[in-house]
Amino acid sequence: MPTVSARVGLARKTLGFYLQEDDCQHRWRHPTESNDVAECDIVDLMTDMLLLARAGGCDPCTVLWKTQVHLNAETGTRCPGPKFSPRAQ
């Protein structure tokens, strides 16, 4: 299994490729001073990956849940939920 560092590097390359190929302007791209990666760009990529999962016959919510389980197992990070209240759609 690759190291966390190697996996972060691969994820960074994937996000970079995604942003190069995406024709949309990233209006809300606000990286923090300590990080050149904007959270909204990661959310956009993850959303598109979940859409791909759905198109492939997978349940995106199950994929997201399994991702949280993997994150917890690999880093000990538990996801308590969002720090905001999503607007009603």
PDB file of N, CA and C in Angstrom:
ATOM      1  N   MET A   1       0.840  -1.172   0.000  1.00  0.00           N
ATOM      2  CA  MET A   1       0.000   0.000   0.000  1.00  0.00           C
ATOM      3  C   MET A   1       0.891   1.243   0.000  1.00  0.00           C
ATOM      4  N   PRO A   2       0.574   2.226  -0.840  1.00  0.00           N
ATOM      5  CA  PRO A   2       1.382   3.450  -0.878  1.00  0.00           C
ATOM      6  C   PRO A   2       1.295   4.214   0.442  1.00  0.00           C
ATOM      7  N   THR A   3       2.313   4.998   0.704  1.00  0.00           N
ATOM      8  CA  THR A   3       2.321   5.821   1.911  1.00  0.00           C
ATOM      9  C   THR A   3       1.285   6.940   1.773  1.00  0.00           C
ATOM     10  N   VAL A   4       0.944   7.532   2.907  1.00  0.00           N
ATOM     11  CA  VAL A   4       0.011   8.657   2.883  1.00  0.00           C
ATOM     12  C   VAL A   4       0.583   9.777   2.019  1.00  0.00           C
ATOM     13  N   SER A   5       1.877  10.016   2.138  1.00  0.00           N
ATOM     14  CA  SER A   5       2.522  11.059   1.342  1.00  0.00           C
ATOM     15  C   SER A   5       2.378  10.789  -0.162  1.00  0.00           C
ATOM     16  N   ALA A   6       2.592   9.544  -0.555  1.00  0.00           N
ATOM     17  CA  ALA A   6       2.455   9.182  -1.971  1.00  0.00           C
ATOM     18  C   ALA A   6       1.015   9.339  -2.435  1.00  0.00           C
ATOM     19  N   ARG A   7       0.074   8.984  -1.575  1.00  0.00           N
ATOM     20  CA  ARG A   7      -1.334   9.095  -1.940  1.00  0.00           C
ATOM     21  C   ARG A   7      -1.758  10.555  -2.055  1.00  0.00           C
ATOM     22  N   VAL A   8      -1.244  11.401  -1.159  1.00  0.00           N
ATOM     23  CA  VAL A   8      -1.537  12.834  -1.241  1.00  0.00           C
ATOM     24  C   VAL A   8      -0.967  13.396  -2.549  1.00  0.00           C
ATOM     25  N   GLY A   9       0.227  12.961  -2.907  1.00  0.00           N
ATOM     26  CA  GLY A   9       0.825  13.406  -4.170  1.00  0.00           C
ATOM     27  C   GLY A   9      -0.019  13.005  -5.369  1.00  0.00           C
ATOM     28  N   LEU A  10      -0.520  11.785  -5.370  1.00  0.00           N
ATOM     29  CA  LEU A  10      -1.381  11.322  -6.458  1.00  0.00           C
ATOM     30  C   LEU A  10      -2.686  12.120  -6.481  1.00  0.00           C
ATOM     31  N   ALA A  11      -3.255  12.371  -5.309  1.00  0.00           N
ATOM     32  CA  ALA A  11      -4.487  13.159  -5.246  1.00  0.00           C
ATOM     33  C   ALA A  11      -4.248  14.576  -5.762  1.00  0.00           C
ATOM     34  N   ARG A  12      -3.092  15.147  -5.418  1.00  0.00           N
ATOM     35  CA  ARG A  12      -2.761  16.499  -5.895  1.00  0.00           C
ATOM     36  C   ARG A  12      -2.649  16.519  -7.427  1.00  0.00           C
ATOM     37  N   LYS A  13      -2.019  15.494  -7.996  1.00  0.00           N
ATOM     38  CA  LYS A  13      -1.916  15.394  -9.460  1.00  0.00           C
ATOM     39  C   LYS A  13      -3.293  15.250 -10.090  1.00  0.00           C
ATOM     40  N   THR A  14      -4.132  14.423  -9.480  1.00  0.00           N
ATOM     41  CA  THR A  14      -5.484  14.205  -9.987  1.00  0.00           C
ATOM     42  C   THR A  14      -6.277  15.500  -9.968  1.00  0.00           C
ATOM     43  N   LEU A  15      -6.202  16.228  -8.864  1.00  0.00           N
ATOM     44  CA  LEU A  15      -6.914  17.501  -8.764  1.00  0.00           C
ATOM     45  C   LEU A  15      -6.373  18.498  -9.781  1.00  0.00           C
ATOM     46  N   GLY A  16      -5.065  18.539  -9.945  1.00  0.00           N
ATOM     47  CA  GLY A  16      -4.470  19.441 -10.935  1.00  0.00           C
ATOM     48  C   GLY A  16      -4.951  19.132 -12.339  1.00  0.00           C
ATOM     49  N   PHE A  17      -5.003  17.856 -12.691  1.00  0.00           N
ATOM     50  CA  PHE A  17      -5.491  17.462 -14.007  1.00  0.00           C
ATOM     51  C   PHE A  17      -6.963  17.842 -14.160  1.00  0.00           C
ATOM     52  N   TYR A  18      -7.744  17.583 -13.132  1.00  0.00           N
ATOM     53  CA  TYR A  18      -9.174  17.911 -13.152  1.00  0.00           C
ATOM     54  C   TYR A  18      -9.381  19.408 -13.392  1.00  0.00           C
ATOM     55  N   LEU A  19      -8.621  20.227 -12.671  1.00  0.00           N
ATOM     56  CA  LEU A  19      -8.769  21.672 -12.811  1.00  0.00           C
ATOM     57  C   LEU A  19      -8.328  22.161 -14.184  1.00  0.00           C
ATOM     58  N   GLN A  20      -7.313  21.518 -14.774  1.00  0.00           N
ATOM     59  CA  GLN A  20      -6.873  21.891 -16.116  1.00  0.00           C
ATOM     60  C   GLN A  20      -7.928  21.544 -17.154  1.00  0.00           C
ATOM     61  N   GLU A  21      -8.592  20.416 -16.970  1.00  0.00           N
ATOM     62  CA  GLU A  21      -9.571  19.939 -17.938  1.00  0.00           C
ATOM     63  C   GLU A  21     -10.945  20.575 -17.761  1.00  0.00           C
ATOM     64  N   ASP A  22     -11.237  21.080 -16.569  1.00  0.00           N
ATOM     65  CA  ASP A  22     -12.537  21.660 -16.269  1.00  0.00           C
ATOM     66  C   ASP A  22     -12.630  23.038 -16.901  1.00  0.00           C
ATOM     67  N   ASP A  23     -13.682  23.245 -17.694  1.00  0.00           N
ATOM     68  CA  ASP A  23     -13.863  24.535 -18.363  1.00  0.00           C
ATOM     69  C   ASP A  23     -14.506  25.584 -17.463  1.00  0.00           C
ATOM     70  N   CYS A  24     -15.055  25.161 -16.335  1.00  0.00           N
ATOM     71  CA  CYS A  24     -15.747  26.089 -15.434  1.00  0.00           C
ATOM     72  C   CYS A  24     -14.747  27.008 -14.738  1.00  0.00           C
ATOM     73  N   GLN A  25     -15.177  28.223 -14.533  1.00  0.00           N
ATOM     74  CA  GLN A  25     -14.359  29.125 -13.735  1.00  0.00           C
ATOM     75  C   GLN A  25     -14.588  28.796 -12.277  1.00  0.00           C
ATOM     76  N   HIS A  26     -13.550  28.810 -11.515  1.00  0.00           N
ATOM     77  CA  HIS A  26     -13.657  28.496 -10.100  1.00  0.00           C
ATOM     78  C   HIS A  26     -13.783  29.797  -9.327  1.00  0.00           C
ATOM     79  N   ARG A  27     -15.031  30.299  -9.269  1.00  0.00           N
ATOM     80  CA  ARG A  27     -15.292  31.598  -8.663  1.00  0.00           C
ATOM     81  C   ARG A  27     -14.996  31.630  -7.177  1.00  0.00           C
ATOM     82  N   TRP A  28     -15.129  30.502  -6.501  1.00  0.00           N
ATOM     83  CA  TRP A  28     -14.996  30.476  -5.050  1.00  0.00           C
ATOM     84  C   TRP A  28     -13.667  29.878  -4.631  1.00  0.00           C
ATOM     85  N   ARG A  29     -12.664  29.922  -5.479  1.00  0.00           N
ATOM     86  CA  ARG A  29     -11.374  29.313  -5.178  1.00  0.00           C
ATOM     87  C   ARG A  29     -10.584  30.209  -4.238  1.00  0.00           C
ATOM     88  N   HIS A  30     -10.543  29.813  -2.980  1.00  0.00           N
ATOM     89  CA  HIS A  30      -9.841  30.586  -1.970  1.00  0.00           C
ATOM     90  C   HIS A  30      -8.938  29.672  -1.153  1.00  0.00           C
ATOM     91  N   PRO A  31      -7.775  29.321  -1.674  1.00  0.00           N
ATOM     92  CA  PRO A  31      -6.854  28.499  -0.872  1.00  0.00           C
ATOM     93  C   PRO A  31      -6.424  29.270   0.372  1.00  0.00           C
ATOM     94  N   THR A  32      -6.122  28.539   1.434  1.00  0.00           N
ATOM     95  CA  THR A  32      -5.622  29.186   2.641  1.00  0.00           C
ATOM     96  C   THR A  32      -4.151  29.519   2.435  1.00  0.00           C
ATOM     97  N   GLU A  33      -3.603  30.336   3.314  1.00  0.00           N
ATOM     98  CA  GLU A  33      -2.206  30.741   3.186  1.00  0.00           C
ATOM     99  C   GLU A  33      -1.258  29.549   3.271  1.00  0.00           C
ATOM    100  N   SER A  34      -1.640  28.550   4.065  1.00  0.00           N
ATOM    101  CA  SER A  34      -0.747  27.411   4.269  1.00  0.00           C
ATOM    102  C   SER A  34      -0.983  26.277   3.276  1.00  0.00           C
ATOM    103  N   ASN A  35      -1.917  26.455   2.365  1.00  0.00           N
ATOM    104  CA  ASN A  35      -2.265  25.375   1.450  1.00  0.00           C
ATOM    105  C   ASN A  35      -2.667  25.962   0.106  1.00  0.00           C
ATOM    106  N   ASP A  36      -2.142  25.416  -0.973  1.00  0.00           N
ATOM    107  CA  ASP A  36      -2.479  25.929  -2.303  1.00  0.00           C
ATOM    108  C   ASP A  36      -3.692  25.220  -2.900  1.00  0.00           C
ATOM    109  N   VAL A  37      -4.360  24.397  -2.120  1.00  0.00           N
ATOM    110  CA  VAL A  37      -5.522  23.654  -2.588  1.00  0.00           C
ATOM    111  C   VAL A  37      -6.780  24.262  -1.974  1.00  0.00           C
ATOM    112  N   ALA A  38      -7.739  24.613  -2.823  1.00  0.00           N
ATOM    113  CA  ALA A  38      -8.990  25.183  -2.337  1.00  0.00           C
ATOM    114  C   ALA A  38      -9.990  24.071  -2.034  1.00  0.00           C
ATOM    115  N   GLU A  39     -10.640  24.173  -0.901  1.00  0.00           N
ATOM    116  CA  GLU A  39     -11.616  23.163  -0.495  1.00  0.00           C
ATOM    117  C   GLU A  39     -12.709  22.991  -1.542  1.00  0.00           C
ATOM    118  N   CYS A  40     -13.151  24.093  -2.148  1.00  0.00           N
ATOM    119  CA  CYS A  40     -14.238  23.997  -3.127  1.00  0.00           C
ATOM    120  C   CYS A  40     -13.816  23.177  -4.347  1.00  0.00           C
ATOM    121  N   ASP A  41     -12.541  23.242  -4.726  1.00  0.00           N
ATOM    122  CA  ASP A  41     -12.067  22.435  -5.855  1.00  0.00           C
ATOM    123  C   ASP A  41     -12.114  20.952  -5.516  1.00  0.00           C
ATOM    124  N   ILE A  42     -11.751  20.617  -4.284  1.00  0.00           N
ATOM    125  CA  ILE A  42     -11.814  19.222  -3.848  1.00  0.00           C
ATOM    126  C   ILE A  42     -13.271  18.761  -3.822  1.00  0.00           C
ATOM    127  N   VAL A  43     -14.163  19.608  -3.318  1.00  0.00           N
ATOM    128  CA  VAL A  43     -15.590  19.266  -3.273  1.00  0.00           C
ATOM    129  C   VAL A  43     -16.128  19.041  -4.687  1.00  0.00           C
ATOM    130  N   ASP A  44     -15.747  19.898  -5.629  1.00  0.00           N
ATOM    131  CA  ASP A  44     -16.200  19.732  -7.019  1.00  0.00           C
ATOM    132  C   ASP A  44     -15.735  18.401  -7.594  1.00  0.00           C
ATOM    133  N   LEU A  45     -14.473  18.061  -7.377  1.00  0.00           N
ATOM    134  CA  LEU A  45     -13.936  16.792  -7.879  1.00  0.00           C
ATOM    135  C   LEU A  45     -14.634  15.608  -7.222  1.00  0.00           C
ATOM    136  N   MET A  46     -14.802  15.679  -5.905  1.00  0.00           N
ATOM    137  CA  MET A  46     -15.461  14.578  -5.204  1.00  0.00           C
ATOM    138  C   MET A  46     -16.910  14.420  -5.661  1.00  0.00           C
ATOM    139  N   THR A  47     -17.593  15.535  -5.893  1.00  0.00           N
ATOM    140  CA  THR A  47     -18.972  15.474  -6.393  1.00  0.00           C
ATOM    141  C   THR A  47     -19.020  14.792  -7.747  1.00  0.00           C
ATOM    142  N   ASP A  48     -18.100  15.162  -8.630  1.00  0.00           N
ATOM    143  CA  ASP A  48     -18.069  14.530  -9.948  1.00  0.00           C
ATOM    144  C   ASP A  48     -17.747  13.041  -9.836  1.00  0.00           C
ATOM    145  N   MET A  49     -16.896  12.668  -8.889  1.00  0.00           N
ATOM    146  CA  MET A  49     -16.597  11.250  -8.675  1.00  0.00           C
ATOM    147  C   MET A  49     -17.832  10.505  -8.176  1.00  0.00           C
ATOM    148  N   LEU A  50     -18.626  11.140  -7.322  1.00  0.00           N
ATOM    149  CA  LEU A  50     -19.858  10.514  -6.844  1.00  0.00           C
ATOM    150  C   LEU A  50     -20.892  10.406  -7.967  1.00  0.00           C
ATOM    151  N   LEU A  51     -20.909  11.380  -8.868  1.00  0.00           N
ATOM    152  CA  LEU A  51     -21.778  11.281 -10.040  1.00  0.00           C
ATOM    153  C   LEU A  51     -21.338  10.121 -10.935  1.00  0.00           C
ATOM    154  N   LEU A  52     -20.033   9.948 -11.052  1.00  0.00           N
ATOM    155  CA  LEU A  52     -19.499   8.810 -11.809  1.00  0.00           C
ATOM    156  C   LEU A  52     -19.917   7.494 -11.154  1.00  0.00           C
ATOM    157  N   ALA A  53     -19.858   7.442  -9.838  1.00  0.00           N
ATOM    158  CA  ALA A  53     -20.279   6.238  -9.119  1.00  0.00           C
ATOM    159  C   ALA A  53     -21.744   5.935  -9.418  1.00  0.00           C
ATOM    160  N   ARG A  54     -22.585   6.963  -9.350  1.00  0.00           N
ATOM    161  CA  ARG A  54     -24.014   6.765  -9.635  1.00  0.00           C
ATOM    162  C   ARG A  54     -24.240   6.306 -11.063  1.00  0.00           C
ATOM    163  N   ALA A  55     -23.521   6.915 -12.003  1.00  0.00           N
ATOM    164  CA  ALA A  55     -23.656   6.524 -13.417  1.00  0.00           C
ATOM    165  C   ALA A  55     -23.210   5.080 -13.635  1.00  0.00           C
ATOM    166  N   GLY A  56     -22.297   4.605 -12.772  1.00  0.00           N
ATOM    167  CA  GLY A  56     -21.814   3.235 -12.875  1.00  0.00           C
ATOM    168  C   GLY A  56     -22.627   2.238 -12.073  1.00  0.00           C
ATOM    169  N   GLY A  57     -23.748   2.700 -11.511  1.00  0.00           N
ATOM    170  CA  GLY A  57     -24.630   1.801 -10.793  1.00  0.00           C
ATOM    171  C   GLY A  57     -24.354   1.678  -9.299  1.00  0.00           C
ATOM    172  N   CYS A  58     -23.467   2.505  -8.778  1.00  0.00           N
ATOM    173  CA  CYS A  58     -23.177   2.488  -7.339  1.00  0.00           C
ATOM    174  C   CYS A  58     -24.016   3.548  -6.643  1.00  0.00           C
ATOM    175  N   ASP A  59     -24.261   3.339  -5.369  1.00  0.00           N
ATOM    176  CA  ASP A  59     -24.974   4.326  -4.563  1.00  0.00           C
ATOM    177  C   ASP A  59     -23.956   5.344  -4.053  1.00  0.00           C
ATOM    178  N   PRO A  60     -24.051   6.610  -4.477  1.00  0.00           N
ATOM    179  CA  PRO A  60     -23.065   7.603  -4.068  1.00  0.00           C
ATOM    180  C   PRO A  60     -22.988   7.799  -2.556  1.00  0.00           C
ATOM    181  N   CYS A  61     -24.104   7.667  -1.861  1.00  0.00           N
ATOM    182  CA  CYS A  61     -24.083   7.828  -0.404  1.00  0.00           C
ATOM    183  C   CYS A  61     -23.306   6.691   0.254  1.00  0.00           C
ATOM    184  N   THR A  62     -23.440   5.481  -0.281  1.00  0.00           N
ATOM    185  CA  THR A  62     -22.673   4.355   0.240  1.00  0.00           C
ATOM    186  C   THR A  62     -21.189   4.555  -0.034  1.00  0.00           C
ATOM    187  N   VAL A  63     -20.853   5.041  -1.217  1.00  0.00           N
ATOM    188  CA  VAL A  63     -19.456   5.318  -1.552  1.00  0.00           C
ATOM    189  C   VAL A  63     -18.899   6.365  -0.594  1.00  0.00           C
ATOM    190  N   LEU A  64     -19.658   7.407  -0.337  1.00  0.00           N
ATOM    191  CA  LEU A  64     -19.212   8.460   0.578  1.00  0.00           C
ATOM    192  C   LEU A  64     -19.034   7.911   1.991  1.00  0.00           C
ATOM    193  N   TRP A  65     -19.963   7.097   2.456  1.00  0.00           N
ATOM    194  CA  TRP A  65     -19.856   6.497   3.777  1.00  0.00           C
ATOM    195  C   TRP A  65     -18.610   5.614   3.869  1.00  0.00           C
ATOM    196  N   LYS A  66     -18.379   4.785   2.851  1.00  0.00           N
ATOM    197  CA  LYS A  66     -17.203   3.917   2.840  1.00  0.00           C
ATOM    198  C   LYS A  66     -15.919   4.747   2.837  1.00  0.00           C
ATOM    199  N   THR A  67     -15.943   5.877   2.159  1.00  0.00           N
ATOM    200  CA  THR A  67     -14.783   6.773   2.146  1.00  0.00           C
ATOM    201  C   THR A  67     -14.503   7.292   3.559  1.00  0.00           C
ATOM    202  N   GLN A  68     -15.553   7.657   4.272  1.00  0.00           N
ATOM    203  CA  GLN A  68     -15.379   8.115   5.647  1.00  0.00           C
ATOM    204  C   GLN A  68     -14.817   7.006   6.534  1.00  0.00           C
ATOM    205  N   VAL A  69     -15.285   5.784   6.338  1.00  0.00           N
ATOM    206  CA  VAL A  69     -14.783   4.646   7.102  1.00  0.00           C
ATOM    207  C   VAL A  69     -13.298   4.436   6.818  1.00  0.00           C
ATOM    208  N   HIS A  70     -12.914   4.528   5.541  1.00  0.00           N
ATOM    209  CA  HIS A  70     -11.500   4.366   5.159  1.00  0.00           C
ATOM    210  C   HIS A  70     -10.652   5.485   5.758  1.00  0.00           C
ATOM    211  N   LEU A  71     -11.151   6.711   5.707  1.00  0.00           N
ATOM    212  CA  LEU A  71     -10.411   7.839   6.274  1.00  0.00           C
ATOM    213  C   LEU A  71     -10.177   7.623   7.762  1.00  0.00           C
ATOM    214  N   ASN A  72     -11.201   7.178   8.457  1.00  0.00           N
ATOM    215  CA  ASN A  72     -11.070   6.912   9.886  1.00  0.00           C
ATOM    216  C   ASN A  72     -10.045   5.810  10.142  1.00  0.00           C
ATOM    217  N   ALA A  73     -10.114   4.735   9.367  1.00  0.00           N
ATOM    218  CA  ALA A  73      -9.191   3.611   9.564  1.00  0.00           C
ATOM    219  C   ALA A  73      -7.745   4.009   9.282  1.00  0.00           C
ATOM    220  N   GLU A  74      -7.532   4.866   8.293  1.00  0.00           N
ATOM    221  CA  GLU A  74      -6.176   5.207   7.878  1.00  0.00           C
ATOM    222  C   GLU A  74      -5.572   6.364   8.662  1.00  0.00           C
ATOM    223  N   THR A  75      -6.413   7.258   9.170  1.00  0.00           N
ATOM    224  CA  THR A  75      -5.875   8.450   9.831  1.00  0.00           C
ATOM    225  C   THR A  75      -6.394   8.655  11.249  1.00  0.00           C
ATOM    226  N   GLY A  76      -7.416   7.910  11.623  1.00  0.00           N
ATOM    227  CA  GLY A  76      -8.030   8.115  12.928  1.00  0.00           C
ATOM    228  C   GLY A  76      -8.950   9.316  12.963  1.00  0.00           C
ATOM    229  N   THR A  77      -9.203   9.903  11.808  1.00  0.00           N
ATOM    230  CA  THR A  77     -10.059  11.076  11.708  1.00  0.00           C
ATOM    231  C   THR A  77     -11.522  10.648  11.621  1.00  0.00           C
ATOM    232  N   ARG A  78     -12.303  11.125  12.561  1.00  0.00           N
ATOM    233  CA  ARG A  78     -13.745  10.864  12.518  1.00  0.00           C
ATOM    234  C   ARG A  78     -14.438  12.119  12.001  1.00  0.00           C
ATOM    235  N   CYS A  79     -15.401  11.924  11.140  1.00  0.00           N
ATOM    236  CA  CYS A  79     -16.134  13.044  10.545  1.00  0.00           C
ATOM    237  C   CYS A  79     -17.396  13.310  11.363  1.00  0.00           C
ATOM    238  N   PRO A  80     -17.411  14.406  12.136  1.00  0.00           N
ATOM    239  CA  PRO A  80     -18.560  14.689  12.984  1.00  0.00           C
ATOM    240  C   PRO A  80     -19.746  15.250  12.220  1.00  0.00           C
ATOM    241  N   GLY A  81     -19.534  15.681  11.014  1.00  0.00           N
ATOM    242  CA  GLY A  81     -20.585  16.323  10.230  1.00  0.00           C
ATOM    243  C   GLY A  81     -20.131  17.705   9.817  1.00  0.00           C
ATOM    244  N   PRO A  82     -20.919  18.347   8.988  1.00  0.00           N
ATOM    245  CA  PRO A  82     -20.509  19.663   8.480  1.00  0.00           C
ATOM    246  C   PRO A  82     -20.503  20.717   9.576  1.00  0.00           C
ATOM    247  N   LYS A  83     -19.682  21.738   9.360  1.00  0.00           N
ATOM    248  CA  LYS A  83     -19.592  22.854  10.291  1.00  0.00           C
ATOM    249  C   LYS A  83     -20.557  23.965   9.897  1.00  0.00           C
ATOM    250  N   PHE A  84     -21.497  23.649   9.042  1.00  0.00           N
ATOM    251  CA  PHE A  84     -22.464  24.627   8.556  1.00  0.00           C
ATOM    252  C   PHE A  84     -23.790  23.925   8.376  1.00  0.00           C
ATOM    253  N   SER A  85     -24.826  24.710   8.212  1.00  0.00           N
ATOM    254  CA  SER A  85     -26.144  24.154   7.932  1.00  0.00           C
ATOM    255  C   SER A  85     -26.443  24.346   6.463  1.00  0.00           C
ATOM    256  N   PRO A  86     -26.497  23.226   5.707  1.00  0.00           N
ATOM    257  CA  PRO A  86     -26.778  23.363   4.277  1.00  0.00           C
ATOM    258  C   PRO A  86     -28.153  24.015   4.057  1.00  0.00           C
ATOM    259  N   ARG A  87     -28.218  24.825   3.038  1.00  0.00           N
ATOM    260  CA  ARG A  87     -29.496  25.458   2.700  1.00  0.00           C
ATOM    261  C   ARG A  87     -30.440  24.414   2.142  1.00  0.00           C
ATOM    262  N   ALA A  88     -31.722  24.606   2.423  1.00  0.00           N
ATOM    263  CA  ALA A  88     -32.729  23.714   1.854  1.00  0.00           C
ATOM    264  C   ALA A  88     -32.768  23.913   0.355  1.00  0.00           C
ATOM    265  N   GLN A  89     -32.808  22.837  -0.359  1.00  0.00           N
ATOM    266  CA  GLN A  89     -32.837  22.912  -1.829  1.00  0.00           C
ATOM    267  C   GLN A  89     -34.249  22.979  -2.339  1.00  0.00           C
TER     268      GLN A  89
END
